[in-house]
């Protein structure tokens, strides 16, 4: 009986390593907290300097890194060291209906894109999450710095609240 338990445990571990893998939990990455090293440890290296794209089983993930702290000639960006994650965007393969997310209107504001017909944004500035919606389905989810980091923005963040920062012309 004592020999059976270790054998079963070893068999279970072997099955777990042969089972089809899930995507790494990239949701652990947090804008202005995570670094390129964190991303590469989780998803692998990228040859790109400031933008890394990853194709995952569940969709496509783009990671934007800081080019460095604010300077006198710089507007926009974040006052953080080089290679800190400043935003992530995720485009799921399976597009969920926005109604399935049951977003609280107290937490998310709805913005109509004036430049692209039929596109809506549901924006939560406090948490730094934006859902881009087309035809009632979530097309892209943007993860940007939470409101508590606003003081690190190079420029006036309150003047740029209409659309997610990564959709603004810089």
Protein backbone atom coordinates (compact mmCIF):
# COMPACT_ATOMS: atom_id res chain seq x y z
CA UNK A 1 0.00 0.00 0.00
CA UNK A 2 2.86 2.39 0.85
CA UNK A 3 4.37 1.85 -2.63
CA UNK A 4 1.07 2.54 -4.41
CA UNK A 5 0.67 6.13 -3.16
CA UNK A 6 4.04 7.40 -4.51
CA UNK A 7 3.40 5.57 -7.79
CA UNK A 8 -0.04 7.17 -8.13
CA UNK A 9 1.38 10.57 -7.28
CA UNK A 10 4.11 10.20 -9.91
CA UNK A 11 1.55 9.02 -12.49
CA UNK A 12 -0.65 12.03 -11.74
CA UNK A 13 2.29 14.43 -12.15
CA UNK A 14 3.24 12.82 -15.47
CA UNK A 15 -0.34 13.13 -16.74
CA UNK A 16 -0.42 16.80 -15.73
CA UNK A 17 2.69 17.54 -17.78
CA UNK A 18 1.25 15.72 -20.83
CA UNK A 19 -2.15 17.39 -20.62
CA UNK A 20 -2.73 20.20 -23.09
CA UNK A 21 -1.49 23.39 -21.47
CA UNK A 22 -3.47 26.49 -20.84
CA UNK A 23 -2.19 29.94 -21.59
CA UNK A 24 0.11 31.38 -18.95
CA UNK A 25 -1.80 33.58 -16.57
CA UNK A 26 -0.88 36.89 -18.20
CA UNK A 27 -3.55 38.60 -16.07
CA UNK A 28 -0.94 38.71 -13.30
CA UNK A 29 0.76 41.48 -15.29
CA UNK A 30 -0.12 44.93 -13.93
CA UNK A 31 0.57 48.23 -15.71
CA UNK A 32 3.23 50.33 -13.93
CA UNK A 33 3.99 47.42 -11.60
CA UNK A 34 5.20 44.66 -13.94
CA UNK A 35 8.40 44.78 -15.98
CA UNK A 36 9.69 43.33 -19.25
CA UNK A 37 11.44 40.64 -17.16
CA UNK A 38 8.07 39.64 -15.64
CA UNK A 39 6.45 39.45 -19.08
CA UNK A 40 9.30 37.46 -20.62
CA UNK A 41 9.42 35.07 -17.68
CA UNK A 42 5.71 34.37 -18.21
CA UNK A 43 5.33 34.60 -22.02
CA UNK A 44 8.81 34.41 -23.49
CA UNK A 45 11.18 36.98 -24.99
CA UNK A 46 10.31 39.51 -27.66
CA UNK A 47 12.66 41.16 -30.13
CA UNK A 48 10.60 44.35 -30.21
CA UNK A 49 11.73 47.34 -28.19
CA UNK A 50 8.56 48.96 -26.89
CA UNK A 51 5.74 46.70 -28.09
CA UNK A 52 5.56 42.94 -27.68
CA UNK A 53 2.83 40.86 -29.33
CA UNK A 54 1.93 37.37 -28.17
CA UNK A 55 -0.43 34.90 -29.81
CA UNK A 56 -2.11 32.85 -27.11
CA UNK A 57 -4.70 30.06 -27.28
CA UNK A 58 -7.41 32.40 -26.01
CA UNK A 59 -6.48 35.44 -28.12
CA UNK A 60 -3.82 38.02 -28.90
CA UNK A 61 -2.01 40.06 -26.27
CA UNK A 62 0.02 43.22 -26.85
CA UNK A 63 2.28 44.67 -24.19
CA UNK A 64 3.59 48.23 -24.34
CA UNK A 65 6.71 49.15 -22.38
CA UNK A 66 7.93 52.51 -21.12
CA UNK A 67 10.77 54.20 -22.98
CA UNK A 68 11.86 55.80 -19.72
CA UNK A 69 10.92 58.61 -17.35
CA UNK A 70 9.41 61.97 -18.30
CA UNK A 71 11.67 64.63 -19.74
CA UNK A 72 11.29 68.31 -20.64
CA UNK A 73 10.65 67.50 -24.31
CA UNK A 74 8.11 64.74 -23.64
CA UNK A 75 4.35 64.92 -23.40
CA UNK A 76 2.43 61.75 -22.75
CA UNK A 77 3.85 58.53 -21.40
CA UNK A 78 4.60 57.64 -17.82
CA UNK A 79 7.26 58.74 -15.38
CA UNK A 80 8.62 55.24 -14.78
CA UNK A 81 11.88 53.49 -15.69
CA UNK A 82 12.46 51.98 -19.10
CA UNK A 83 10.91 48.52 -19.68
CA UNK A 84 8.08 48.90 -17.18
CA UNK A 85 4.75 47.68 -18.58
CA UNK A 86 2.56 50.72 -19.29
CA UNK A 87 -0.39 48.97 -20.92
CA UNK A 88 -1.74 45.69 -22.20
CA UNK A 89 -4.40 45.06 -24.79
CA UNK A 90 -6.10 41.73 -25.25
CA UNK A 91 -8.22 40.68 -28.20
CA UNK A 92 -10.05 37.46 -27.35
CA UNK A 93 -10.74 34.82 -30.00
CA UNK A 94 -14.13 34.16 -28.43
CA UNK A 95 -15.92 37.52 -28.39
CA UNK A 96 -18.24 37.75 -25.38
CA UNK A 97 -21.34 39.88 -25.39
CA UNK A 98 -20.86 43.02 -23.31
CA UNK A 99 -24.12 42.23 -21.49
CA UNK A 100 -22.56 38.98 -20.20
CA UNK A 101 -19.99 41.01 -18.24
CA UNK A 102 -22.72 42.75 -16.21
CA UNK A 103 -20.70 45.95 -15.87
CA UNK A 104 -21.83 48.37 -13.20
CA UNK A 105 -22.83 51.76 -14.67
CA UNK A 106 -21.50 53.26 -11.44
CA UNK A 107 -18.00 51.97 -12.25
CA UNK A 108 -17.93 52.15 -16.05
CA UNK A 109 -18.73 55.12 -18.23
CA UNK A 110 -19.88 54.59 -21.78
CA UNK A 111 -18.18 56.56 -24.56
CA UNK A 112 -19.12 56.54 -28.25
CA UNK A 113 -16.16 56.66 -30.63
CA UNK A 114 -16.70 59.76 -32.79
CA UNK A 115 -14.23 58.56 -35.42
CA UNK A 116 -15.26 54.93 -35.91
CA UNK A 117 -18.97 54.23 -36.29
CA UNK A 118 -20.45 51.49 -34.14
CA UNK A 119 -17.60 51.40 -31.62
CA UNK A 120 -18.34 51.94 -27.93
CA UNK A 121 -15.99 52.04 -24.97
CA UNK A 122 -16.86 51.08 -21.42
CA UNK A 123 -14.20 52.75 -19.30
CA UNK A 124 -13.30 52.30 -15.64
CA UNK A 125 -10.66 54.96 -14.91
CA UNK A 126 -10.22 53.88 -11.31
CA UNK A 127 -9.16 50.34 -12.24
CA UNK A 128 -7.65 51.21 -15.65
CA UNK A 129 -9.84 48.80 -17.63
CA UNK A 130 -11.56 49.63 -20.92
CA UNK A 131 -13.74 47.37 -23.03
CA UNK A 132 -13.92 48.19 -26.74
CA UNK A 133 -17.23 46.93 -28.08
CA UNK A 134 -18.43 46.44 -31.65
CA UNK A 135 -21.83 44.99 -32.54
CA UNK A 136 -22.48 44.22 -28.88
CA UNK A 137 -19.38 42.06 -28.47
CA UNK A 138 -16.10 42.79 -26.67
CA UNK A 139 -13.46 43.20 -29.35
CA UNK A 140 -10.53 44.39 -27.21
CA UNK A 141 -9.86 44.81 -23.49
CA UNK A 142 -7.32 47.49 -22.55
CA UNK A 143 -5.48 47.36 -19.24
CA UNK A 144 -3.90 50.70 -18.40
CA UNK A 145 -2.56 52.26 -15.22
CA UNK A 146 -5.14 52.50 -12.45
CA UNK A 147 -6.31 55.92 -11.32
CA UNK A 148 -4.00 55.84 -8.30
CA UNK A 149 -1.05 56.23 -10.71
CA UNK A 150 -2.37 59.34 -12.44
CA UNK A 151 0.32 61.46 -10.74
CA UNK A 152 2.96 59.56 -12.77
CA UNK A 153 1.52 60.61 -16.14
CA UNK A 154 3.71 62.97 -18.21
CA UNK A 155 1.18 65.66 -19.03
CA UNK A 156 -2.38 66.38 -18.00
CA UNK A 157 -4.27 63.06 -17.70
CA UNK A 158 -7.59 64.78 -16.94
CA UNK A 159 -7.49 66.48 -20.37
CA UNK A 160 -7.29 63.06 -22.05
CA UNK A 161 -10.13 61.15 -20.38
CA UNK A 162 -12.42 60.76 -23.39
CA UNK A 163 -10.83 57.62 -24.86
CA UNK A 164 -8.31 55.12 -23.53
CA UNK A 165 -4.84 56.66 -23.66
CA UNK A 166 -3.58 54.03 -26.10
CA UNK A 167 -6.25 55.13 -28.60
CA UNK A 168 -5.18 58.78 -28.45
CA UNK A 169 -2.88 60.30 -31.04
CA UNK A 170 0.47 60.91 -29.39
